[in-house]
C-alpha atoms as a PDB file:
ATOM      1  CA  MET A   1       2.936  10.160 -12.027  1.00  0.00           C
ATOM      2  CA  LEU A   2       3.691   6.305 -12.857  1.00  0.00           C
ATOM      3  CA  VAL A   3       1.102   5.307  -9.804  1.00  0.00           C
ATOM      4  CA  LYS A   4      -1.774   7.483 -11.591  1.00  0.00           C
ATOM      5  CA  THR A   5      -2.471   5.681 -14.396  1.00  0.00           C
ATOM      6  CA  VAL A   6      -5.493   4.071 -15.729  1.00  0.00           C
ATOM      7  CA  THR A   7      -3.895   0.416 -15.110  1.00  0.00           C
ATOM      8  CA  ALA A   8      -2.877   1.548 -11.648  1.00  0.00           C
ATOM      9  CA  CYS A   9      -6.803   2.770 -10.726  1.00  0.00           C
ATOM     10  CA  VAL A  10      -8.429  -0.865 -12.358  1.00  0.00           C
ATOM     11  CA  GLU A  11      -5.778  -2.736 -10.552  1.00  0.00           C
ATOM     12  CA  ALA A  12      -6.864  -0.459  -7.063  1.00  0.00           C
ATOM     13  CA  MET A  13     -10.488  -0.273  -7.893  1.00  0.00           C
ATOM     14  CA  TYR A  14     -10.459  -4.464  -8.135  1.00  0.00           C
ATOM     15  CA  ALA A  15      -8.465  -5.110  -5.006  1.00  0.00           C
ATOM     16  CA  ASP A  16     -11.150  -2.696  -3.215  1.00  0.00           C
ATOM     17  CA  CYS A  17     -14.002  -4.309  -4.292  1.00  0.00           C
ATOM     18  CA  LYS A  18     -11.886  -8.211  -4.088  1.00  0.00           C
ATOM     19  CA  PHE A  19     -11.797  -6.514   0.037  1.00  0.00           C
ATOM     20  CA  LYS A  20      -8.156  -7.420  -0.101  1.00  0.00           C
ATOM     21  CA  GLU A  21      -6.159  -4.683   1.720  1.00  0.00           C
ATOM     22  CA  ILE A  22      -3.966  -2.348   0.523  1.00  0.00           C
ATOM     23  CA  ILE A  23      -0.764  -1.698   1.580  1.00  0.00           C
ATOM     24  CA  PRO A  24       0.384   1.945   0.509  1.00  0.00           C
ATOM     25  CA  LEU A  25       4.480   2.149   0.202  1.00  0.00           C
ATOM     26  CA  HIS A  26       5.460   5.418  -0.116  1.00  0.00           C
ATOM     27  CA  PHE A  27       8.847   6.650  -2.410  1.00  0.00           C
ATOM     28  CA  GLU A  28       8.705   9.501  -2.703  1.00  0.00           C
ATOM     29  CA  ASP A  29       8.891  12.805   0.470  1.00  0.00           C
ATOM     30  CA  SER A  30       7.371  15.484  -1.953  1.00  0.00           C
ATOM     31  CA  PHE A  31       4.309  12.813  -2.820  1.00  0.00           C
ATOM     32  CA  ALA A  32       0.695  13.562  -1.595  1.00  0.00           C
ATOM     33  CA  PRO A  33      -2.220  10.701  -3.223  1.00  0.00           C
ATOM     34  CA  THR A  34      -5.171  12.922  -3.793  1.00  0.00           C
ATOM     35  CA  GLY A  35      -8.217  11.924  -5.868  1.00  0.00           C
ATOM     36  CA  TRP A  36      -9.419   7.608  -5.633  1.00  0.00           C
ATOM     37  CA  LEU A  37      -6.088   7.249  -4.289  1.00  0.00           C
ATOM     38  CA  GLY A  38      -6.539   9.280  -1.203  1.00  0.00           C
ATOM     39  CA  ILE A  39      -9.805   7.519  -0.918  1.00  0.00           C
ATOM     40  CA  LEU A  40      -8.522   4.380  -0.909  1.00  0.00           C
ATOM     41  CA  CYS A  41      -5.118   4.769   1.092  1.00  0.00           C
ATOM     42  CA  ALA A  42      -7.285   6.830   3.857  1.00  0.00           C
ATOM     43  CA  GLY A  43      -6.018   5.401   7.160  1.00  0.00           C
ATOM     44  CA  ALA A  44      -3.917   3.002   5.641  1.00  0.00           C
ATOM     45  CA  LEU A  45      -0.159   2.429   7.347  1.00  0.00           C
ATOM     46  CA  TYR A  46       2.699   3.162   4.623  1.00  0.00           C
ATOM     47  CA  VAL A  47       5.395   1.410   4.113  1.00  0.00           C
ATOM     48  CA  GLU A  48       8.213   4.354   3.679  1.00  0.00           C
ATOM     49  CA  PHE A  49      10.846   4.133   1.198  1.00  0.00           C
ATOM     50  CA  CYS A  50      12.188   7.550   0.949  1.00  0.00           C
ATOM     51  CA  ASP A  51      15.100   7.327   3.261  1.00  0.00           C
ATOM     52  CA  PRO A  52      17.607   4.684   1.583  1.00  0.00           C
ATOM     53  CA  GLN A  53      19.202   4.744   5.068  1.00  0.00           C
ATOM     54  CA  LYS A  54      16.220   2.706   6.397  1.00  0.00           C
ATOM     55  CA  PHE A  55      15.840   0.216   3.530  1.00  0.00           C
ATOM     56  CA  ASP A  56      16.089  -3.380   5.922  1.00  0.00           C
ATOM     57  CA  ASP A  57      13.953  -1.674   8.646  1.00  0.00           C
ATOM     58  CA  ASN A  58      11.351  -0.513   6.005  1.00  0.00           C
ATOM     59  CA  MET A  59      11.267  -4.273   4.541  1.00  0.00           C
ATOM     60  CA  HIS A  60      11.360  -5.404   7.939  1.00  0.00           C
ATOM     61  CA  GLN A  61       7.958  -3.351   8.322  1.00  0.00           C
ATOM     62  CA  LEU A  62       6.333  -4.880   4.482  1.00  0.00           C
ATOM     63  CA  TYR A  63       6.966  -8.385   5.781  1.00  0.00           C
ATOM     64  CA  LYS A  64       5.672  -7.891   8.419  1.00  0.00           C
ATOM     65  CA  GLN A  65       2.146  -5.964   7.101  1.00  0.00           C
ATOM     66  CA  LEU A  66       2.562  -8.743   3.967  1.00  0.00           C
ATOM     67  CA  LYS A  67       2.069 -11.399   7.122  1.00  0.00           C
ATOM     68  CA  ASP A  68      -0.750 -10.035   8.726  1.00  0.00           C
ATOM     69  CA  ALA A  69      -2.244  -9.356   5.785  1.00  0.00           C
ATOM     70  CA  VAL A  70      -1.508 -13.009   4.950  1.00  0.00           C
ATOM     71  CA  ASP A  71      -2.848 -14.486   9.052  1.00  0.00           C
ATOM     72  CA  ARG A  72      -5.914 -12.437   8.930  1.00  0.00           C
ATOM     73  CA  THR A  73      -7.248 -13.705   5.253  1.00  0.00           C
ATOM     74  CA  LYS A  74      -6.010 -17.152   6.578  1.00  0.00           C
ATOM     75  CA  GLN A  75      -8.500 -17.019   9.378  1.00  0.00           C
ATOM     76  CA  GLY A  76     -11.310 -15.097   7.678  1.00  0.00           C
ATOM     77  CA  SER A  77     -11.415 -18.427   4.903  1.00  0.00           C
END
């Protein structure tokens, strides 16, 4: 899987080391994160994109999570 490439691993670990929030996106029903990806995403609220019929609702959810993350970052500065 593309998400398990070395580059993705390095980027995810960098984000974690910098205490950046990770917002996992779920595109395949059959995919379940394991190993390093499972550890980094444990307890995170996934944004589901498996059902094309719910794309607009899911984009709204992603926007809200991104906005909330930015707001928390601004409060921490």
